Amino acid sequence: QVQLVESGGGLVQPGGSLTLSCAASGRTSFSINTMGWYRQAPGKEREMVATITRGRRTNYADSVKGRFTISRDNVKNTVYLQMNSLKPENTAVYYCNEIGTSLWGQGTQVTVSS
């Protein structure tokens, strides 16, 4: 069974950092697919945060440019999201997705609060 499993969320103070991980299991084609991180805050629609192609070309939402970094390890079948200078408005459930498919992880909660 194909699965995406996110981890690394938690509570962090404003200005702090977190690194999220998304591990793909049950498949061997991870390395050829574009992967993305999305987030959904309470009462808001899910939005794209960052994407990375198999060639490691990246794309970011304007609101996170310069603070977040997406990366991938095709040997470990894992995609990462390094988040720095976190703000309260970054509080959301963060999901990873195999772009163009209905394959999503279960989400990991990120809360930025003092």
Protein backbone atom coordinates (compact mmCIF):
# COMPACT_ATOMS: atom_id res chain seq x y z
CA GLN A 1 0.00 0.00 0.00
CA VAL A 2 1.33 3.41 -1.00
CA GLN A 3 1.60 5.85 1.88
CA LEU A 4 2.95 9.32 2.68
CA VAL A 5 3.71 9.89 6.34
CA GLU A 6 4.53 13.36 7.66
CA SER A 7 6.39 14.07 10.87
CA GLY A 8 8.23 16.87 12.63
CA GLY A 9 5.41 19.21 13.57
CA GLY A 10 5.00 20.72 17.00
CA LEU A 11 4.80 23.87 19.05
CA VAL A 12 7.43 26.54 18.42
CA GLN A 13 7.84 30.15 19.45
CA PRO A 14 7.72 32.96 16.89
CA GLY A 15 11.09 33.25 15.19
CA GLY A 16 11.83 29.59 15.75
CA SER A 17 12.47 26.77 13.31
CA LEU A 18 11.07 23.35 12.48
CA THR A 19 11.87 20.72 9.89
CA LEU A 20 9.05 18.60 8.54
CA SER A 21 9.61 15.24 6.87
CA CYS A 22 7.40 13.26 4.52
CA ALA A 23 8.37 9.66 3.91
CA ALA A 24 6.92 7.68 1.02
CA SER A 25 6.54 3.97 1.49
CA GLY A 26 5.21 1.12 -0.56
CA ARG A 27 6.47 2.41 -3.88
CA THR A 28 9.67 2.81 -5.85
CA SER A 29 8.77 5.70 -8.19
CA PHE A 30 9.16 8.47 -5.63
CA SER A 31 12.29 9.80 -7.33
CA ILE A 32 10.48 10.67 -10.58
CA ASN A 33 7.55 12.56 -9.10
CA THR A 34 7.10 16.20 -8.20
CA MET A 35 6.34 16.50 -4.50
CA GLY A 36 4.73 19.34 -2.61
CA TRP A 37 3.96 20.69 0.82
CA TYR A 38 0.58 22.26 1.49
CA ARG A 39 -1.01 23.68 4.62
CA GLN A 40 -4.49 24.35 5.93
CA ALA A 41 -5.18 26.78 8.73
CA PRO A 42 -8.45 26.73 10.69
CA GLY A 43 -11.26 28.20 8.65
CA LYS A 44 -9.11 28.54 5.54
CA GLU A 45 -8.63 26.60 2.35
CA ARG A 46 -5.65 24.36 1.80
CA GLU A 47 -2.83 26.25 0.07
CA MET A 48 0.42 25.35 -1.62
CA VAL A 49 3.56 26.09 0.38
CA ALA A 50 6.34 24.65 -1.78
CA THR A 51 7.00 22.12 -4.53
CA ILE A 52 10.08 20.31 -5.80
CA THR A 53 10.54 18.46 -9.08
CA ARG A 54 12.58 15.33 -9.61
CA GLY A 55 15.32 17.62 -10.89
CA ARG A 56 15.08 19.60 -7.64
CA ARG A 57 13.60 22.70 -9.23
CA THR A 58 11.67 24.44 -6.47
CA ASN A 59 8.70 26.76 -6.23
CA TYR A 60 7.44 28.63 -3.15
CA ALA A 61 4.43 30.59 -2.05
CA ASP A 62 5.34 34.27 -1.83
CA SER A 63 4.60 34.31 1.88
CA VAL A 64 7.36 31.78 2.67
CA LYS A 65 10.08 32.73 0.19
CA GLY A 66 13.40 33.23 1.92
CA ARG A 67 12.23 31.49 5.10
CA PHE A 68 11.23 27.96 4.02
CA THR A 69 13.30 25.46 2.05
CA ILE A 70 12.00 22.30 0.40
CA SER A 71 14.38 19.45 -0.37
CA ARG A 72 14.26 15.77 -1.18
CA ASP A 73 16.30 12.62 -0.68
CA ASN A 74 15.45 10.14 -3.43
CA VAL A 75 17.40 7.37 -1.73
CA LYS A 76 15.34 7.70 1.46
CA ASN A 77 12.13 8.47 -0.49
CA THR A 78 11.68 11.52 1.72
CA VAL A 79 10.85 15.16 1.13
CA TYR A 80 11.63 17.83 3.72
CA LEU A 81 10.44 21.31 4.58
CA GLN A 82 12.86 23.43 6.59
CA MET A 83 10.95 26.31 8.15
CA ASN A 84 12.80 29.26 9.67
CA SER A 85 11.67 32.57 11.18
CA LEU A 86 8.26 31.09 11.87
CA LYS A 87 5.31 33.41 12.45
CA PRO A 88 1.98 32.85 14.21
CA GLU A 89 0.24 32.98 10.84
CA ASN A 90 2.20 29.89 9.80
CA THR A 91 0.11 27.86 12.25
CA ALA A 92 -1.64 25.13 10.27
CA VAL A 93 -1.77 21.45 9.51
CA TYR A 94 0.94 20.73 6.95
CA TYR A 95 0.46 18.01 4.35
CA CYS A 96 2.66 16.50 1.70
CA ASN A 97 1.33 15.49 -1.68
CA GLU A 98 2.49 13.75 -4.79
CA ILE A 99 1.59 16.45 -7.28
CA GLY A 100 -1.08 15.46 -9.76
CA THR A 101 -2.38 12.58 -7.69
CA SER A 102 -4.78 12.07 -4.82
CA LEU A 103 -1.98 10.73 -2.64
CA TRP A 104 -1.76 12.81 0.55
CA GLY A 105 -0.28 12.27 3.96
CA GLN A 106 -2.28 12.51 7.17
CA GLY A 107 -0.83 15.91 8.07
CA THR A 108 1.29 17.23 10.89
CA GLN A 109 0.28 20.13 13.12
CA VAL A 110 2.54 23.18 13.33
CA THR A 111 1.67 25.73 16.00
CA VAL A 112 3.61 28.98 16.28
CA SER A 113 2.84 30.69 19.55
CA SER A 114 4.52 32.31 22.51
